[in-house]
C-alpha cells in the first residue's frame, strides 16, 4: 500500500505529539532534574498515577533500564511508552495500565 503525503504528514504529526507528551512526563517524573529517571522516581510516579505495587514498579523499571545502570535515560523511558504503541494512538497512562493488566512484561 502506498502512503500519500497527507497520510505521512498525519503520522509524523501524531508521532511528534506523542513524543512531546512523553517528554513532558519524563520531565515530571525526573524530580531531581538529573536528566535521568531513577527507580525511586519511577516508583513514585507509577504508584501515584497507576496504583502499581512495589513489585510491579521494580519489574517495569528493570525491564526498561536497558543498560542496567540503575537509571533510565530519556530513550529508555521513551521505549517504556512506545512498547505497545507502534500502530495505535493511546494515552501514556492507558499503556501503563495495559502492562499492569497483562502482568509482568
C-alpha atoms as a PDB file:
ATOM      1  CA  UNK A   1       0.000   0.000   0.000  1.00  0.00           C
ATOM      2  CA  UNK A   2       1.358   3.398  -0.972  1.00  0.00           C
ATOM      3  CA  UNK A   3       1.252   6.232   1.515  1.00  0.00           C
ATOM      4  CA  UNK A   4       0.463   9.655   0.192  1.00  0.00           C
ATOM      5  CA  UNK A   5       1.997  12.847   1.548  1.00  0.00           C
ATOM      6  CA  UNK A   6      -1.080  13.744   3.629  1.00  0.00           C
ATOM      7  CA  UNK A   7      -1.109  10.357   5.360  1.00  0.00           C
ATOM      8  CA  UNK A   8       2.615  10.524   6.053  1.00  0.00           C
ATOM      9  CA  UNK A   9       2.279  14.048   7.427  1.00  0.00           C
ATOM     10  CA  UNK A  10      -0.562  12.881   9.681  1.00  0.00           C
ATOM     11  CA  UNK A  11       1.560  10.050  11.126  1.00  0.00           C
ATOM     12  CA  UNK A  12       4.516  12.389  11.646  1.00  0.00           C
ATOM     13  CA  UNK A  13       2.265  14.861  13.440  1.00  0.00           C
ATOM     14  CA  UNK A  14       0.852  12.116  15.693  1.00  0.00           C
ATOM     15  CA  UNK A  15       4.360  10.854  16.482  1.00  0.00           C
ATOM     16  CA  UNK A  16       5.504  14.385  17.329  1.00  0.00           C
ATOM     17  CA  UNK A  17       2.537  14.840  19.674  1.00  0.00           C
ATOM     18  CA  UNK A  18       3.263  11.537  21.411  1.00  0.00           C
ATOM     19  CA  UNK A  19       6.947  12.398  21.777  1.00  0.00           C
ATOM     20  CA  UNK A  20       6.016  15.770  23.273  1.00  0.00           C
ATOM     21  CA  UNK A  21       3.765  14.052  25.831  1.00  0.00           C
ATOM     22  CA  UNK A  22       6.487  11.551  26.697  1.00  0.00           C
ATOM     23  CA  UNK A  23       8.981  14.396  27.154  1.00  0.00           C
ATOM     24  CA  UNK A  24       6.584  16.190  29.498  1.00  0.00           C
ATOM     25  CA  UNK A  25       6.012  13.036  31.546  1.00  0.00           C
ATOM     26  CA  UNK A  26       9.755  12.344  31.668  1.00  0.00           C
ATOM     27  CA  UNK A  27      10.432  15.851  32.960  1.00  0.00           C
ATOM     28  CA  UNK A  28       7.686  15.491  35.584  1.00  0.00           C
ATOM     29  CA  UNK A  29       8.996  12.105  36.780  1.00  0.00           C
ATOM     30  CA  UNK A  30      12.639  13.305  36.854  1.00  0.00           C
ATOM     31  CA  UNK A  31      12.102  15.174  40.131  1.00  0.00           C
ATOM     32  CA  UNK A  32      15.776  15.972  40.715  1.00  0.00           C
ATOM     33  CA  UNK A  33      16.258  17.258  37.136  1.00  0.00           C
ATOM     34  CA  UNK A  34      19.240  14.956  36.649  1.00  0.00           C
ATOM     35  CA  UNK A  35      18.289  14.084  33.080  1.00  0.00           C
ATOM     36  CA  UNK A  36      17.510  10.509  34.031  1.00  0.00           C
ATOM     37  CA  UNK A  37      14.801   8.719  35.983  1.00  0.00           C
ATOM     38  CA  UNK A  38      15.909   6.644  38.930  1.00  0.00           C
ATOM     39  CA  UNK A  39      13.934   3.668  40.221  1.00  0.00           C
ATOM     40  CA  UNK A  40      12.571   5.659  43.175  1.00  0.00           C
ATOM     41  CA  UNK A  41      11.289   8.429  40.893  1.00  0.00           C
ATOM     42  CA  UNK A  42       9.555   5.954  38.591  1.00  0.00           C
ATOM     43  CA  UNK A  43       8.116   4.093  41.581  1.00  0.00           C
ATOM     44  CA  UNK A  44       6.570   7.286  42.989  1.00  0.00           C
ATOM     45  CA  UNK A  45       5.030   8.086  39.606  1.00  0.00           C
ATOM     46  CA  UNK A  46       3.688   4.572  38.983  1.00  0.00           C
ATOM     47  CA  UNK A  47       2.265   4.215  42.480  1.00  0.00           C
ATOM     48  CA  UNK A  48       0.529   7.601  42.337  1.00  0.00           C
ATOM     49  CA  UNK A  49      -0.693   7.540  38.739  1.00  0.00           C
ATOM     50  CA  UNK A  50      -1.456   3.867  38.086  1.00  0.00           C
ATOM     51  CA  UNK A  51      -1.545   2.253  41.548  1.00  0.00           C
ATOM     52  CA  UNK A  52       1.285  -0.183  40.807  1.00  0.00           C
ATOM     53  CA  UNK A  53       2.627  -2.349  43.628  1.00  0.00           C
ATOM     54  CA  UNK A  54       6.281  -2.204  44.674  1.00  0.00           C
ATOM     55  CA  UNK A  55       6.989  -5.417  42.741  1.00  0.00           C
ATOM     56  CA  UNK A  56       5.273  -4.124  39.602  1.00  0.00           C
ATOM     57  CA  UNK A  57       7.297  -0.915  39.776  1.00  0.00           C
ATOM     58  CA  UNK A  58      10.546  -2.861  40.084  1.00  0.00           C
ATOM     59  CA  UNK A  59       9.561  -5.123  37.196  1.00  0.00           C
ATOM     60  CA  UNK A  60       8.818  -2.183  34.907  1.00  0.00           C
ATOM     61  CA  UNK A  61      11.978  -0.320  35.874  1.00  0.00           C
ATOM     62  CA  UNK A  62      14.305  -3.272  35.391  1.00  0.00           C
ATOM     63  CA  UNK A  63      12.645  -4.293  32.131  1.00  0.00           C
ATOM     64  CA  UNK A  64      13.315  -0.882  30.603  1.00  0.00           C
ATOM     65  CA  UNK A  65      16.662   0.012  32.190  1.00  0.00           C
ATOM     66  CA  UNK A  66      18.297  -1.454  29.085  1.00  0.00           C
ATOM     67  CA  UNK A  67      21.923  -0.817  30.032  1.00  0.00           C
ATOM     68  CA  UNK A  68      21.317  -1.763  33.691  1.00  0.00           C
ATOM     69  CA  UNK A  69      22.942   1.379  35.055  1.00  0.00           C
ATOM     70  CA  UNK A  70      20.224   1.942  37.672  1.00  0.00           C
ATOM     71  CA  UNK A  71      18.576   4.842  35.866  1.00  0.00           C
ATOM     72  CA  UNK A  72      16.510   5.390  32.751  1.00  0.00           C
ATOM     73  CA  UNK A  73      17.640   7.946  30.232  1.00  0.00           C
ATOM     74  CA  UNK A  74      15.087   9.621  28.002  1.00  0.00           C
ATOM     75  CA  UNK A  75      15.384   6.972  25.271  1.00  0.00           C
ATOM     76  CA  UNK A  76      14.883   4.087  27.706  1.00  0.00           C
ATOM     77  CA  UNK A  77      11.924   5.950  29.185  1.00  0.00           C
ATOM     78  CA  UNK A  78      10.502   6.564  25.701  1.00  0.00           C
ATOM     79  CA  UNK A  79      10.696   2.837  24.905  1.00  0.00           C
ATOM     80  CA  UNK A  80       8.606   2.141  28.003  1.00  0.00           C
ATOM     81  CA  UNK A  81       5.728   4.065  26.463  1.00  0.00           C
ATOM     82  CA  UNK A  82       6.252   3.082  22.851  1.00  0.00           C
ATOM     83  CA  UNK A  83       6.323  -0.655  23.557  1.00  0.00           C
ATOM     84  CA  UNK A  84       2.615  -1.080  22.965  1.00  0.00           C
ATOM     85  CA  UNK A  85       2.067   1.889  20.648  1.00  0.00           C
ATOM     86  CA  UNK A  86       3.568   1.103  17.293  1.00  0.00           C
ATOM     87  CA  UNK A  87       0.350   1.335  15.265  1.00  0.00           C
ATOM     88  CA  UNK A  88      -2.150   2.766  17.740  1.00  0.00           C
ATOM     89  CA  UNK A  89      -2.573   6.097  19.426  1.00  0.00           C
ATOM     90  CA  UNK A  90      -3.058   5.522  23.140  1.00  0.00           C
ATOM     91  CA  UNK A  91      -2.505   7.640  26.168  1.00  0.00           C
ATOM     92  CA  UNK A  92       0.624   7.116  28.249  1.00  0.00           C
ATOM     93  CA  UNK A  93      -1.389   6.108  31.302  1.00  0.00           C
ATOM     94  CA  UNK A  94      -3.527   3.636  29.316  1.00  0.00           C
ATOM     95  CA  UNK A  95      -0.354   1.932  28.089  1.00  0.00           C
ATOM     96  CA  UNK A  96       0.902   1.521  31.658  1.00  0.00           C
ATOM     97  CA  UNK A  97      -2.462   0.097  32.731  1.00  0.00           C
ATOM     98  CA  UNK A  98      -2.283  -2.480  29.925  1.00  0.00           C
ATOM     99  CA  UNK A  99       1.212  -3.515  31.011  1.00  0.00           C
ATOM    100  CA  UNK A 100      -0.050  -3.899  34.586  1.00  0.00           C
ATOM    101  CA  UNK A 101      -3.169  -5.820  33.485  1.00  0.00           C
ATOM    102  CA  UNK A 102      -1.140  -8.345  31.492  1.00  0.00           C
ATOM    103  CA  UNK A 103       1.232  -8.915  34.381  1.00  0.00           C
ATOM    104  CA  UNK A 104       4.975  -8.894  34.140  1.00  0.00           C
ATOM    105  CA  UNK A 105       6.485  -7.534  30.958  1.00  0.00           C
END
